Amino acid sequence: MFYMHLRYPGGKRKAVTFSYDDGVIEDRELVRIFNKYNIKATFNVSLGRAVKRPNRFIQISEMKELYNTREIEK
């Protein structure tokens, strides 16, 4: 019988993924924590909401710098 063992970089066998929606202002603190501990994440930002509700969502002008080491889905 053949068994295939999936391995991640560094020979690791398990992975955790993080994905967050909308680009809310709380992402600022979340990104700071992720940077501190070198945690990867994907952020799904809402450009339309950023324009309509600037006091609740990360502004487009800030997104590039804030999410600079993260994967972003628009």
C-alpha atoms as a PDB file:
ATOM      1  CA  MET A   1       0.000   0.000   0.000  1.00  0.00           C
ATOM      2  CA  PHE A   2       1.302   3.475  -0.949  1.00  0.00           C
ATOM      3  CA  TYR A   3       0.999   6.434   1.422  1.00  0.00           C
ATOM      4  CA  MET A   4       1.741   9.962   0.335  1.00  0.00           C
ATOM      5  CA  HIS A   5       2.751  12.357   3.085  1.00  0.00           C
ATOM      6  CA  LEU A   6       2.225  16.019   2.368  1.00  0.00           C
ATOM      7  CA  ARG A   7       4.975  18.214   3.748  1.00  0.00           C
ATOM      8  CA  TYR A   8       5.143  21.973   4.047  1.00  0.00           C
ATOM      9  CA  PRO A   9       8.329  24.042   3.893  1.00  0.00           C
ATOM     10  CA  GLY A  10      10.834  22.982   6.516  1.00  0.00           C
ATOM     11  CA  GLY A  11       9.358  19.463   6.616  1.00  0.00           C
ATOM     12  CA  LYS A  12       6.348  20.550   8.673  1.00  0.00           C
ATOM     13  CA  ARG A  13       3.291  18.339   8.474  1.00  0.00           C
ATOM     14  CA  LYS A  14       0.585  20.749   9.678  1.00  0.00           C
ATOM     15  CA  ALA A  15      -0.443  24.256   8.729  1.00  0.00           C
ATOM     16  CA  VAL A  16      -2.882  26.871   9.970  1.00  0.00           C
ATOM     17  CA  THR A  17      -4.383  29.500   7.707  1.00  0.00           C
ATOM     18  CA  PHE A  18      -5.836  32.882   8.628  1.00  0.00           C
ATOM     19  CA  SER A  19      -8.211  34.819   6.410  1.00  0.00           C
ATOM     20  CA  TYR A  20      -9.941  38.097   7.288  1.00  0.00           C
ATOM     21  CA  ASP A  21     -12.621  40.030   5.454  1.00  0.00           C
ATOM     22  CA  ASP A  22     -13.482  43.633   4.664  1.00  0.00           C
ATOM     23  CA  GLY A  23     -10.342  45.581   5.672  1.00  0.00           C
ATOM     24  CA  VAL A  24     -11.742  46.975   8.928  1.00  0.00           C
ATOM     25  CA  ILE A  25      -9.702  49.339  11.097  1.00  0.00           C
ATOM     26  CA  GLU A  26      -9.061  46.561  13.643  1.00  0.00           C
ATOM     27  CA  ASP A  27      -6.769  44.999  11.021  1.00  0.00           C
ATOM     28  CA  ARG A  28      -4.095  47.506  12.071  1.00  0.00           C
ATOM     29  CA  GLU A  29      -3.608  45.778  15.426  1.00  0.00           C
ATOM     30  CA  LEU A  30      -3.988  42.321  13.895  1.00  0.00           C
ATOM     31  CA  VAL A  31      -1.264  43.015  11.317  1.00  0.00           C
ATOM     32  CA  ARG A  32       1.006  44.351  14.095  1.00  0.00           C
ATOM     33  CA  ILE A  33       0.587  41.101  16.054  1.00  0.00           C
ATOM     34  CA  PHE A  34       1.095  38.967  12.940  1.00  0.00           C
ATOM     35  CA  ASN A  35       4.271  40.880  12.098  1.00  0.00           C
ATOM     36  CA  LYS A  36       5.602  40.422  15.631  1.00  0.00           C
ATOM     37  CA  TYR A  37       5.182  36.634  15.447  1.00  0.00           C
ATOM     38  CA  ASN A  38       5.866  36.238  11.707  1.00  0.00           C
ATOM     39  CA  ILE A  39       2.376  34.860  11.004  1.00  0.00           C
ATOM     40  CA  LYS A  40       1.062  34.718   7.443  1.00  0.00           C
ATOM     41  CA  ALA A  41      -2.502  35.744   6.590  1.00  0.00           C
ATOM     42  CA  THR A  42      -4.799  36.657   3.735  1.00  0.00           C
ATOM     43  CA  PHE A  43      -6.928  39.790   3.877  1.00  0.00           C
ATOM     44  CA  ASN A  44      -9.978  40.183   1.661  1.00  0.00           C
ATOM     45  CA  VAL A  45     -10.478  43.936   1.436  1.00  0.00           C
ATOM     46  CA  SER A  46     -13.583  45.804   0.353  1.00  0.00           C
ATOM     47  CA  LEU A  47     -12.539  48.825  -1.685  1.00  0.00           C
ATOM     48  CA  GLY A  48     -16.115  50.038  -2.037  1.00  0.00           C
ATOM     49  CA  ARG A  49     -16.701  50.021   1.707  1.00  0.00           C
ATOM     50  CA  ALA A  50     -13.422  51.843   2.316  1.00  0.00           C
ATOM     51  CA  VAL A  51     -14.681  54.709   0.192  1.00  0.00           C
ATOM     52  CA  LYS A  52     -18.204  54.785   1.632  1.00  0.00           C
ATOM     53  CA  ARG A  53     -17.309  54.381   5.327  1.00  0.00           C
ATOM     54  CA  PRO A  54     -13.828  55.824   5.978  1.00  0.00           C
ATOM     55  CA  ASN A  55     -14.243  55.793   9.762  1.00  0.00           C
ATOM     56  CA  ARG A  56     -14.804  51.995   9.810  1.00  0.00           C
ATOM     57  CA  PHE A  57     -12.561  50.640   7.040  1.00  0.00           C
ATOM     58  CA  ILE A  58      -8.860  50.891   6.134  1.00  0.00           C
ATOM     59  CA  GLN A  59      -8.457  53.574   3.498  1.00  0.00           C
ATOM     60  CA  ILE A  60      -7.103  52.644   0.080  1.00  0.00           C
ATOM     61  CA  SER A  61      -4.150  55.006   0.600  1.00  0.00           C
ATOM     62  CA  GLU A  62      -3.101  53.028   3.721  1.00  0.00           C
ATOM     63  CA  MET A  63      -3.663  49.501   2.369  1.00  0.00           C
ATOM     64  CA  LYS A  64      -0.394  49.130   0.456  1.00  0.00           C
ATOM     65  CA  GLU A  65       1.742  49.941   3.491  1.00  0.00           C
ATOM     66  CA  LEU A  66      -0.384  48.086   6.061  1.00  0.00           C
ATOM     67  CA  TYR A  67      -0.737  44.856   4.093  1.00  0.00           C
ATOM     68  CA  ASN A  68       2.704  45.050   2.424  1.00  0.00           C
ATOM     69  CA  THR A  69       3.796  41.533   3.458  1.00  0.00           C
ATOM     70  CA  ARG A  70       0.359  39.909   3.282  1.00  0.00           C
ATOM     71  CA  GLU A  71      -1.726  38.346   0.570  1.00  0.00           C
ATOM     72  CA  ILE A  72      -4.607  40.593  -0.454  1.00  0.00           C
ATOM     73  CA  GLU A  73      -7.782  39.673  -2.317  1.00  0.00           C
ATOM     74  CA  LYS A  74      -9.897  42.532  -3.646  1.00  0.00           C
END
